[in-house]
Amino acid sequence: MLARIYRPSKTAMQSGKAKTHFWVLEFAPAQARVSDPLMGWTVTGDMNGQVKLNFDSREEAVQYAQKHGIPFEILPEQTHRKIVRAYADNFAFNRKQPWTH
């Protein structure tokens, strides 16, 4: 029952950094998912896979895991590149690559 503590990255469906200012503690899957023969859905008997706790800081998540005796690993934060581009940059005189069609 290993827990992962990480800070979520922004999804591809959003342009801002909403829902990335907190830390998440979630459990790694204890057993593999299997396919249900009748419906074809994937099922598992691992109920800890449904638990996802949010914390304001990494230290709070670590303290929670230590208090409850949960082994954990801290995943490194992902770095974000800020790319600023404008449509007008396509027609700038100081382009590094020539305009091709």
PDB file of N, CA and C in Angstrom:
ATOM      1  N   MET A   1       0.841  -1.173   0.000  1.00  0.00           N
ATOM      2  CA  MET A   1       0.000   0.000   0.000  1.00  0.00           C
ATOM      3  C   MET A   1       0.892   1.243   0.000  1.00  0.00           C
ATOM      4  N   LEU A   2       1.572   1.467  -1.084  1.00  0.00           N
ATOM      5  CA  LEU A   2       2.460   2.612  -1.235  1.00  0.00           C
ATOM      6  C   LEU A   2       1.656   3.821  -1.706  1.00  0.00           C
ATOM      7  N   ALA A   3       1.906   4.964  -1.094  1.00  0.00           N
ATOM      8  CA  ALA A   3       1.216   6.196  -1.477  1.00  0.00           C
ATOM      9  C   ALA A   3       2.167   7.067  -2.284  1.00  0.00           C
ATOM     10  N   ARG A   4       1.614   7.793  -3.229  1.00  0.00           N
ATOM     11  CA  ARG A   4       2.374   8.749  -4.025  1.00  0.00           C
ATOM     12  C   ARG A   4       1.966  10.154  -3.603  1.00  0.00           C
ATOM     13  N   ILE A   5       2.955  11.010  -3.384  1.00  0.00           N
ATOM     14  CA  ILE A   5       2.693  12.407  -3.059  1.00  0.00           C
ATOM     15  C   ILE A   5       3.274  13.223  -4.201  1.00  0.00           C
ATOM     16  N   TYR A   6       2.433  14.016  -4.846  1.00  0.00           N
ATOM     17  CA  TYR A   6       2.886  14.791  -5.994  1.00  0.00           C
ATOM     18  C   TYR A   6       2.053  16.049  -6.148  1.00  0.00           C
ATOM     19  N   ARG A   7       2.560  16.933  -6.971  1.00  0.00           N
ATOM     20  CA  ARG A   7       1.819  18.138  -7.325  1.00  0.00           C
ATOM     21  C   ARG A   7       1.336  17.958  -8.754  1.00  0.00           C
ATOM     22  N   PRO A   8       0.025  18.009  -8.991  1.00  0.00           N
ATOM     23  CA  PRO A   8      -0.482  17.729 -10.344  1.00  0.00           C
ATOM     24  C   PRO A   8      -0.077  18.807 -11.340  1.00  0.00           C
ATOM     25  N   SER A   9       0.154  18.381 -12.566  1.00  0.00           N
ATOM     26  CA  SER A   9       0.469  19.330 -13.621  1.00  0.00           C
ATOM     27  C   SER A   9      -0.833  19.772 -14.279  1.00  0.00           C
ATOM     28  N   LYS A  10      -0.758  20.841 -15.030  1.00  0.00           N
ATOM     29  CA  LYS A  10      -1.971  21.326 -15.675  1.00  0.00           C
ATOM     30  C   LYS A  10      -2.337  20.406 -16.830  1.00  0.00           C
ATOM     31  N   THR A  11      -3.601  20.286 -17.079  1.00  0.00           N
ATOM     32  CA  THR A  11      -4.057  19.407 -18.148  1.00  0.00           C
ATOM     33  C   THR A  11      -3.937  20.109 -19.487  1.00  0.00           C
ATOM     34  N   ALA A  12      -4.021  19.359 -20.546  1.00  0.00           N
ATOM     35  CA  ALA A  12      -3.939  19.943 -21.882  1.00  0.00           C
ATOM     36  C   ALA A  12      -5.206  20.710 -22.238  1.00  0.00           C
ATOM     37  N   MET A  13      -6.260  20.511 -21.487  1.00  0.00           N
ATOM     38  CA  MET A  13      -7.533  21.151 -21.793  1.00  0.00           C
ATOM     39  C   MET A  13      -7.704  22.505 -21.119  1.00  0.00           C
ATOM     40  N   GLN A  14      -6.711  22.970 -20.391  1.00  0.00           N
ATOM     41  CA  GLN A  14      -6.838  24.266 -19.749  1.00  0.00           C
ATOM     42  C   GLN A  14      -5.610  25.104 -20.061  1.00  0.00           C
ATOM     43  N   SER A  15      -5.805  26.389 -20.141  1.00  0.00           N
ATOM     44  CA  SER A  15      -4.685  27.260 -20.458  1.00  0.00           C
ATOM     45  C   SER A  15      -4.046  27.826 -19.196  1.00  0.00           C
ATOM     46  N   GLY A  16      -4.758  27.848 -18.097  1.00  0.00           N
ATOM     47  CA  GLY A  16      -4.225  28.382 -16.848  1.00  0.00           C
ATOM     48  C   GLY A  16      -3.664  27.290 -15.974  1.00  0.00           C
ATOM     49  N   LYS A  17      -3.292  27.668 -14.764  1.00  0.00           N
ATOM     50  CA  LYS A  17      -2.702  26.713 -13.828  1.00  0.00           C
ATOM     51  C   LYS A  17      -3.666  26.407 -12.682  1.00  0.00           C
ATOM     52  N   ALA A  18      -4.944  26.418 -12.951  1.00  0.00           N
ATOM     53  CA  ALA A  18      -5.931  26.086 -11.928  1.00  0.00           C
ATOM     54  C   ALA A  18      -5.773  24.627 -11.529  1.00  0.00           C
ATOM     55  N   LYS A  19      -6.069  24.328 -10.305  1.00  0.00           N
ATOM     56  CA  LYS A  19      -5.992  22.975  -9.744  1.00  0.00           C
ATOM     57  C   LYS A  19      -4.570  22.416  -9.740  1.00  0.00           C
ATOM     58  N   THR A  20      -3.571  23.284  -9.719  1.00  0.00           N
ATOM     59  CA  THR A  20      -2.184  22.826  -9.627  1.00  0.00           C
ATOM     60  C   THR A  20      -1.481  23.399  -8.410  1.00  0.00           C
ATOM     61  N   HIS A  21      -2.205  24.086  -7.531  1.00  0.00           N
ATOM     62  CA  HIS A  21      -1.588  24.759  -6.392  1.00  0.00           C
ATOM     63  C   HIS A  21      -1.687  23.934  -5.109  1.00  0.00           C
ATOM     64  N   PHE A  22      -1.975  22.658  -5.209  1.00  0.00           N
ATOM     65  CA  PHE A  22      -2.072  21.810  -4.031  1.00  0.00           C
ATOM     66  C   PHE A  22      -1.283  20.529  -4.275  1.00  0.00           C
ATOM     67  N   TRP A  23      -1.108  19.759  -3.223  1.00  0.00           N
ATOM     68  CA  TRP A  23      -0.394  18.485  -3.303  1.00  0.00           C
ATOM     69  C   TRP A  23      -1.396  17.353  -3.130  1.00  0.00           C
ATOM     70  N   VAL A  24      -1.173  16.243  -3.812  1.00  0.00           N
ATOM     71  CA  VAL A  24      -2.100  15.113  -3.810  1.00  0.00           C
ATOM     72  C   VAL A  24      -1.404  13.889  -3.206  1.00  0.00           C
ATOM     73  N   LEU A  25      -2.121  13.187  -2.357  1.00  0.00           N
ATOM     74  CA  LEU A  25      -1.675  11.890  -1.848  1.00  0.00           C
ATOM     75  C   LEU A  25      -2.653  10.865  -2.381  1.00  0.00           C
ATOM     76  N   GLU A  26      -2.159   9.938  -3.192  1.00  0.00           N
ATOM     77  CA  GLU A  26      -3.006   8.861  -3.696  1.00  0.00           C
ATOM     78  C   GLU A  26      -2.227   7.558  -3.638  1.00  0.00           C
ATOM     79  N   PHE A  27      -2.948   6.472  -3.546  1.00  0.00           N
ATOM     80  CA  PHE A  27      -2.328   5.164  -3.395  1.00  0.00           C
ATOM     81  C   PHE A  27      -2.025   4.548  -4.756  1.00  0.00           C
ATOM     82  N   ALA A  28      -0.877   3.901  -4.832  1.00  0.00           N
ATOM     83  CA  ALA A  28      -0.514   3.162  -6.042  1.00  0.00           C
ATOM     84  C   ALA A  28      -1.389   1.915  -6.116  1.00  0.00           C
ATOM     85  N   PRO A  29      -1.702   1.423  -7.304  1.00  0.00           N
ATOM     86  CA  PRO A  29      -2.545   0.230  -7.418  1.00  0.00           C
ATOM     87  C   PRO A  29      -1.877  -0.984  -6.777  1.00  0.00           C
ATOM     88  N   ALA A  30      -2.630  -1.680  -5.916  1.00  0.00           N
ATOM     89  CA  ALA A  30      -2.094  -2.854  -5.229  1.00  0.00           C
ATOM     90  C   ALA A  30      -2.230  -4.111  -6.083  1.00  0.00           C
ATOM     91  N   GLN A  31      -3.174  -4.117  -7.009  1.00  0.00           N
ATOM     92  CA  GLN A  31      -3.351  -5.275  -7.883  1.00  0.00           C
ATOM     93  C   GLN A  31      -3.776  -4.806  -9.266  1.00  0.00           C
ATOM     94  N   ALA A  32      -3.561  -5.652 -10.229  1.00  0.00           N
ATOM     95  CA  ALA A  32      -3.859  -5.287 -11.614  1.00  0.00           C
ATOM     96  C   ALA A  32      -5.373  -5.286 -11.852  1.00  0.00           C
ATOM     97  N   ARG A  33      -5.790  -4.490 -12.801  1.00  0.00           N
ATOM     98  CA  ARG A  33      -7.204  -4.479 -13.190  1.00  0.00           C
ATOM     99  C   ARG A  33      -7.478  -5.663 -14.110  1.00  0.00           C
ATOM    100  N   VAL A  34      -8.667  -6.211 -13.987  1.00  0.00           N
ATOM    101  CA  VAL A  34      -9.075  -7.326 -14.852  1.00  0.00           C
ATOM    102  C   VAL A  34     -10.354  -6.924 -15.576  1.00  0.00           C
ATOM    103  N   SER A  35     -10.607  -7.550 -16.687  1.00  0.00           N
ATOM    104  CA  SER A  35     -11.787  -7.250 -17.476  1.00  0.00           C
ATOM    105  C   SER A  35     -12.965  -8.096 -16.999  1.00  0.00           C
ATOM    106  N   ASP A  36     -14.115  -7.447 -16.806  1.00  0.00           N
ATOM    107  CA  ASP A  36     -15.333  -8.154 -16.423  1.00  0.00           C
ATOM    108  C   ASP A  36     -15.842  -8.914 -17.652  1.00  0.00           C
ATOM    109  N   PRO A  37     -16.096 -10.241 -17.544  1.00  0.00           N
ATOM    110  CA  PRO A  37     -16.487 -10.996 -18.732  1.00  0.00           C
ATOM    111  C   PRO A  37     -17.867 -10.619 -19.282  1.00  0.00           C
ATOM    112  N   LEU A  38     -18.769 -10.145 -18.437  1.00  0.00           N
ATOM    113  CA  LEU A  38     -20.118  -9.849 -18.892  1.00  0.00           C
ATOM    114  C   LEU A  38     -20.196  -8.486 -19.593  1.00  0.00           C
ATOM    115  N   MET A  39     -19.733  -7.451 -18.932  1.00  0.00           N
ATOM    116  CA  MET A  39     -19.873  -6.096 -19.458  1.00  0.00           C
ATOM    117  C   MET A  39     -18.625  -5.583 -20.167  1.00  0.00           C
ATOM    118  N   GLY A  40     -17.462  -6.184 -19.877  1.00  0.00           N
ATOM    119  CA  GLY A  40     -16.232  -5.730 -20.488  1.00  0.00           C
ATOM    120  C   GLY A  40     -15.571  -4.573 -19.765  1.00  0.00           C
ATOM    121  N   TRP A  41     -16.123  -4.165 -18.621  1.00  0.00           N
ATOM    122  CA  TRP A  41     -15.529  -3.086 -17.851  1.00  0.00           C
ATOM    123  C   TRP A  41     -14.299  -3.604 -17.125  1.00  0.00           C
ATOM    124  N   THR A  42     -13.387  -2.700 -16.786  1.00  0.00           N
ATOM    125  CA  THR A  42     -12.247  -3.105 -15.971  1.00  0.00           C
ATOM    126  C   THR A  42     -12.629  -2.956 -14.508  1.00  0.00           C
ATOM    127  N   VAL A  43     -12.312  -3.967 -13.723  1.00  0.00           N
ATOM    128  CA  VAL A  43     -12.657  -3.962 -12.303  1.00  0.00           C
ATOM    129  C   VAL A  43     -11.417  -4.300 -11.490  1.00  0.00           C
ATOM    130  N   THR A  44     -11.461  -3.910 -10.224  1.00  0.00           N
ATOM    131  CA  THR A  44     -10.405  -4.237  -9.288  1.00  0.00           C
ATOM    132  C   THR A  44     -11.011  -4.352  -7.896  1.00  0.00           C
ATOM    133  N   GLY A  45     -10.352  -5.086  -7.047  1.00  0.00           N
ATOM    134  CA  GLY A  45     -10.800  -5.219  -5.669  1.00  0.00           C
ATOM    135  C   GLY A  45     -10.080  -4.262  -4.739  1.00  0.00           C
ATOM    136  N   ASP A  46      -9.247  -3.411  -5.286  1.00  0.00           N
ATOM    137  CA  ASP A  46      -8.452  -2.481  -4.494  1.00  0.00           C
ATOM    138  C   ASP A  46      -9.243  -1.203  -4.253  1.00  0.00           C
ATOM    139  N   MET A  47      -9.729  -1.010  -3.043  1.00  0.00           N
ATOM    140  CA  MET A  47     -10.523   0.169  -2.731  1.00  0.00           C
ATOM    141  C   MET A  47      -9.666   1.392  -2.436  1.00  0.00           C
ATOM    142  N   ASN A  48      -8.392   1.195  -2.100  1.00  0.00           N
ATOM    143  CA  ASN A  48      -7.533   2.351  -1.832  1.00  0.00           C
ATOM    144  C   ASN A  48      -7.232   3.137  -3.098  1.00  0.00           C
ATOM    145  N   GLY A  49      -7.441   2.535  -4.252  1.00  0.00           N
ATOM    146  CA  GLY A  49      -7.225   3.239  -5.503  1.00  0.00           C
ATOM    147  C   GLY A  49      -8.215   4.370  -5.727  1.00  0.00           C
ATOM    148  N   GLN A  50      -9.288   4.394  -4.967  1.00  0.00           N
ATOM    149  CA  GLN A  50     -10.294   5.451  -5.098  1.00  0.00           C
ATOM    150  C   GLN A  50     -10.024   6.630  -4.175  1.00  0.00           C
ATOM    151  N   VAL A  51      -9.053   6.489  -3.279  1.00  0.00           N
ATOM    152  CA  VAL A  51      -8.757   7.539  -2.314  1.00  0.00           C
ATOM    153  C   VAL A  51      -7.765   8.527  -2.927  1.00  0.00           C
ATOM    154  N   LYS A  52      -8.118   9.807  -2.878  1.00  0.00           N
ATOM    155  CA  LYS A  52      -7.263  10.870  -3.383  1.00  0.00           C
ATOM    156  C   LYS A  52      -7.426  12.057  -2.439  1.00  0.00           C
ATOM    157  N   LEU A  53      -6.384  12.357  -1.671  1.00  0.00           N
ATOM    158  CA  LEU A  53      -6.443  13.419  -0.672  1.00  0.00           C
ATOM    159  C   LEU A  53      -5.644  14.624  -1.148  1.00  0.00           C
ATOM    160  N   ASN A  54      -6.191  15.815  -0.946  1.00  0.00           N
ATOM    161  CA  ASN A  54      -5.524  17.057  -1.329  1.00  0.00           C
ATOM    162  C   ASN A  54      -4.998  17.762  -0.080  1.00  0.00           C
ATOM    163  N   PHE A  55      -3.789  18.322  -0.202  1.00  0.00           N
ATOM    164  CA  PHE A  55      -3.160  19.062   0.888  1.00  0.00           C
ATOM    165  C   PHE A  55      -2.629  20.377   0.350  1.00  0.00           C
ATOM    166  N   ASP A  56      -2.524  21.364   1.239  1.00  0.00           N
ATOM    167  CA  ASP A  56      -2.027  22.672   0.830  1.00  0.00           C
ATOM    168  C   ASP A  56      -0.520  22.681   0.597  1.00  0.00           C
ATOM    169  N   SER A  57       0.218  21.815   1.286  1.00  0.00           N
ATOM    170  CA  SER A  57       1.666  21.785   1.120  1.00  0.00           C
ATOM    171  C   SER A  57       2.162  20.342   1.140  1.00  0.00           C
ATOM    172  N   ARG A  58       3.387  20.164   0.668  1.00  0.00           N
ATOM    173  CA  ARG A  58       3.995  18.831   0.651  1.00  0.00           C
ATOM    174  C   ARG A  58       4.225  18.333   2.074  1.00  0.00           C
ATOM    175  N   GLU A  59       4.598  19.239   2.979  1.00  0.00           N
ATOM    176  CA  GLU A  59       4.867  18.854   4.362  1.00  0.00           C
ATOM    177  C   GLU A  59       3.620  18.310   5.048  1.00  0.00           C
ATOM    178  N   GLU A  60       2.466  18.889   4.750  1.00  0.00           N
ATOM    179  CA  GLU A  60       1.213  18.391   5.339  1.00  0.00           C
ATOM    180  C   GLU A  60       0.918  16.979   4.857  1.00  0.00           C
ATOM    181  N   ALA A  61       1.154  16.704   3.590  1.00  0.00           N
ATOM    182  CA  ALA A  61       0.914  15.364   3.048  1.00  0.00           C
ATOM    183  C   ALA A  61       1.865  14.357   3.662  1.00  0.00           C
ATOM    184  N   VAL A  62       3.127  14.746   3.836  1.00  0.00           N
ATOM    185  CA  VAL A  62       4.117  13.841   4.442  1.00  0.00           C
ATOM    186  C   VAL A  62       3.757  13.573   5.895  1.00  0.00           C
ATOM    187  N   GLN A  63       3.352  14.610   6.629  1.00  0.00           N
ATOM    188  CA  GLN A  63       2.960  14.422   8.025  1.00  0.00           C
ATOM    189  C   GLN A  63       1.764  13.491   8.146  1.00  0.00           C
ATOM    190  N   TYR A  64       0.800  13.626   7.241  1.00  0.00           N
ATOM    191  CA  TYR A  64      -0.378  12.752   7.265  1.00  0.00           C
ATOM    192  C   TYR A  64       0.032  11.298   7.042  1.00  0.00           C
ATOM    193  N   ALA A  65       0.894  11.067   6.054  1.00  0.00           N
ATOM    194  CA  ALA A  65       1.324   9.701   5.755  1.00  0.00           C
ATOM    195  C   ALA A  65       2.122   9.114   6.917  1.00  0.00           C
ATOM    196  N   GLN A  66       2.984   9.896   7.529  1.00  0.00           N
ATOM    197  CA  GLN A  66       3.770   9.401   8.655  1.00  0.00           C
ATOM    198  C   GLN A  66       2.885   9.139   9.869  1.00  0.00           C
ATOM    199  N   LYS A  67       1.901   9.985  10.104  1.00  0.00           N
ATOM    200  CA  LYS A  67       1.010   9.827  11.257  1.00  0.00           C
ATOM    201  C   LYS A  67       0.203   8.539  11.157  1.00  0.00           C
ATOM    202  N   HIS A  68      -0.207   8.187   9.937  1.00  0.00           N
ATOM    203  CA  HIS A  68      -1.022   6.995   9.743  1.00  0.00           C
ATOM    204  C   HIS A  68      -0.208   5.771   9.334  1.00  0.00           C
ATOM    205  N   GLY A  69       1.105   5.884   9.327  1.00  0.00           N
ATOM    206  CA  GLY A  69       1.964   4.738   9.028  1.00  0.00           C
ATOM    207  C   GLY A  69       1.877   4.271   7.583  1.00  0.00           C
ATOM    208  N   ILE A  70       1.706   5.190   6.659  1.00  0.00           N
ATOM    209  CA  ILE A  70       1.574   4.858   5.241  1.00  0.00           C
ATOM    210  C   ILE A  70       2.936   5.053   4.579  1.00  0.00           C
ATOM    211  N   PRO A  71       3.500   4.024   3.971  1.00  0.00           N
ATOM    212  CA  PRO A  71       4.744   4.242   3.218  1.00  0.00           C
ATOM    213  C   PRO A  71       4.456   5.101   1.987  1.00  0.00           C
ATOM    214  N   PHE A  72       5.363   6.019   1.682  1.00  0.00           N
ATOM    215  CA  PHE A  72       5.088   6.963   0.598  1.00  0.00           C
ATOM    216  C   PHE A  72       6.343   7.242  -0.199  1.00  0.00           C
ATOM    217  N   GLU A  73       6.126   7.773  -1.385  1.00  0.00           N
ATOM    218  CA  GLU A  73       7.207   8.298  -2.202  1.00  0.00           C
ATOM    219  C   GLU A  73       6.772   9.666  -2.708  1.00  0.00           C
ATOM    220  N   ILE A  74       7.723  10.579  -2.787  1.00  0.00           N
ATOM    221  CA  ILE A  74       7.434  11.929  -3.248  1.00  0.00           C
ATOM    222  C   ILE A  74       7.932  12.042  -4.681  1.00  0.00           C
ATOM    223  N   LEU A  75       7.032  12.319  -5.591  1.00  0.00           N
ATOM    224  CA  LEU A  75       7.394  12.481  -6.990  1.00  0.00           C
ATOM    225  C   LEU A  75       7.860  13.918  -7.216  1.00  0.00           C
ATOM    226  N   PRO A  76       8.888  14.119  -8.029  1.00  0.00           N
ATOM    227  CA  PRO A  76       9.391  15.490  -8.239  1.00  0.00           C
ATOM    228  C   PRO A  76       8.388  16.349  -8.988  1.00  0.00           C
ATOM    229  N   GLU A  77       8.469  17.648  -8.726  1.00  0.00           N
ATOM    230  CA  GLU A  77       7.589  18.588  -9.427  1.00  0.00           C
ATOM    231  C   GLU A  77       8.019  18.692 -10.881  1.00  0.00           C
ATOM    232  N   GLN A  78       7.046  18.877 -11.753  1.00  0.00           N
ATOM    233  CA  GLN A  78       7.348  19.058 -13.159  1.00  0.00           C
ATOM    234  C   GLN A  78       7.584  20.529 -13.433  1.00  0.00           C
ATOM    235  N   THR A  79       8.607  20.811 -14.216  1.00  0.00           N
ATOM    236  CA  THR A  79       8.886  22.196 -14.556  1.00  0.00           C
ATOM    237  C   THR A  79       8.016  22.609 -15.735  1.00  0.00           C
ATOM    238  N   HIS A  80       7.630  23.843 -15.735  1.00  0.00           N
ATOM    239  CA  HIS A  80       6.769  24.362 -16.787  1.00  0.00           C
ATOM    240  C   HIS A  80       7.559  25.357 -17.624  1.00  0.00           C
ATOM    241  N   ARG A  81       7.521  25.174 -18.913  1.00  0.00           N
ATOM    242  CA  ARG A  81       8.127  26.141 -19.825  1.00  0.00           C
ATOM    243  C   ARG A  81       7.072  27.172 -20.186  1.00  0.00           C
ATOM    244  N   LYS A  82       7.452  28.412 -20.141  1.00  0.00           N
ATOM    245  CA  LYS A  82       6.524  29.460 -20.541  1.00  0.00           C
ATOM    246  C   LYS A  82       6.861  29.859 -21.970  1.00  0.00           C
ATOM    247  N   ILE A  83       5.960  29.595 -22.873  1.00  0.00           N
ATOM    248  CA  ILE A  83       6.147  29.914 -24.278  1.00  0.00           C
ATOM    249  C   ILE A  83       5.191  31.048 -24.624  1.00  0.00           C
ATOM    250  N   VAL A  84       5.760  32.162 -24.994  1.00  0.00           N
ATOM    251  CA  VAL A  84       4.940  33.318 -25.363  1.00  0.00           C
ATOM    252  C   VAL A  84       5.074  33.501 -26.863  1.00  0.00           C
ATOM    253  N   ARG A  85       4.001  33.320 -27.547  1.00  0.00           N
ATOM    254  CA  ARG A  85       3.973  33.480 -28.989  1.00  0.00           C
ATOM    255  C   ARG A  85       2.741  34.293 -29.367  1.00  0.00           C
ATOM    256  N   ALA A  86       2.907  35.066 -30.365  1.00  0.00           N
ATOM    257  CA  ALA A  86       1.790  35.840 -30.878  1.00  0.00           C
ATOM    258  C   ALA A  86       1.679  35.564 -32.372  1.00  0.00           C
ATOM    259  N   TYR A  87       0.513  35.764 -32.904  1.00  0.00           N
ATOM    260  CA  TYR A  87       0.306  35.545 -34.330  1.00  0.00           C
ATOM    261  C   TYR A  87       1.169  36.490 -35.154  1.00  0.00           C
ATOM    262  N   ALA A  88       1.392  37.691 -34.649  1.00  0.00           N
ATOM    263  CA  ALA A  88       2.198  38.674 -35.369  1.00  0.00           C
ATOM    264  C   ALA A  88       3.657  38.247 -35.499  1.00  0.00           C
ATOM    265  N   ASP A  89       4.127  37.347 -34.606  1.00  0.00           N
ATOM    266  CA  ASP A  89       5.510  36.868 -34.694  1.00  0.00           C
ATOM    267  C   ASP A  89       5.765  36.094 -35.984  1.00  0.00           C
ATOM    268  N   ASN A  90       4.741  35.581 -36.616  1.00  0.00           N
ATOM    269  CA  ASN A  90       4.921  34.872 -37.886  1.00  0.00           C
ATOM    270  C   ASN A  90       5.393  35.799 -38.993  1.00  0.00           C
ATOM    271  N   PHE A  91       5.124  37.093 -38.862  1.00  0.00           N
ATOM    272  CA  PHE A  91       5.431  38.055 -39.915  1.00  0.00           C
ATOM    273  C   PHE A  91       6.506  39.051 -39.492  1.00  0.00           C
ATOM    274  N   ALA A  92       7.223  38.765 -38.425  1.00  0.00           N
ATOM    275  CA  ALA A  92       8.241  39.688 -37.926  1.00  0.00           C
ATOM    276  C   ALA A  92       9.445  39.729 -38.861  1.00  0.00           C
ATOM    277  N   PHE A  93      10.122  40.872 -38.902  1.00  0.00           N
ATOM    278  CA  PHE A  93      11.295  41.032 -39.767  1.00  0.00           C
ATOM    279  C   PHE A  93      12.513  40.297 -39.212  1.00  0.00           C
ATOM    280  N   ASN A  94      12.557  40.109 -37.913  1.00  0.00           N
ATOM    281  CA  ASN A  94      13.729  39.485 -37.296  1.00  0.00           C
ATOM    282  C   ASN A  94      13.509  37.991 -37.014  1.00  0.00           C
ATOM    283  N   ARG A  95      12.814  37.314 -37.903  1.00  0.00           N
ATOM    284  CA  ARG A  95      12.591  35.873 -37.734  1.00  0.00           C
ATOM    285  C   ARG A  95      13.907  35.133 -37.848  1.00  0.00           C
ATOM    286  N   LYS A  96      14.079  34.070 -37.060  1.00  0.00           N
ATOM    287  CA  LYS A  96      15.306  33.291 -37.116  1.00  0.00           C
ATOM    288  C   LYS A  96      15.282  32.315 -38.295  1.00  0.00           C
ATOM    289  N   GLN A  97      14.118  31.921 -38.744  1.00  0.00           N
ATOM    290  CA  GLN A  97      13.984  31.027 -39.895  1.00  0.00           C
ATOM    291  C   GLN A  97      13.197  31.758 -40.976  1.00  0.00           C
ATOM    292  N   PRO A  98      13.572  31.565 -42.220  1.00  0.00           N
ATOM    293  CA  PRO A  98      12.827  32.244 -43.285  1.00  0.00           C
ATOM    294  C   PRO A  98      11.419  31.674 -43.429  1.00  0.00           C
ATOM    295  N   TRP A  99      10.527  32.504 -43.911  1.00  0.00           N
ATOM    296  CA  TRP A  99       9.144  32.101 -44.126  1.00  0.00           C
ATOM    297  C   TRP A  99       9.069  31.181 -45.335  1.00  0.00           C
ATOM    298  N   THR A 100       8.510  29.996 -45.176  1.00  0.00           N
ATOM    299  CA  THR A 100       8.368  29.057 -46.289  1.00  0.00           C
ATOM    300  C   THR A 100       6.915  28.634 -46.396  1.00  0.00           C
ATOM    301  N   HIS A 101       6.547  28.204 -47.569  1.00  0.00           N
ATOM    302  CA  HIS A 101       5.173  27.753 -47.765  1.00  0.00           C
ATOM    303  C   HIS A 101       5.139  26.289 -48.045  1.00  0.00           C
TER     304      HIS A 101
END
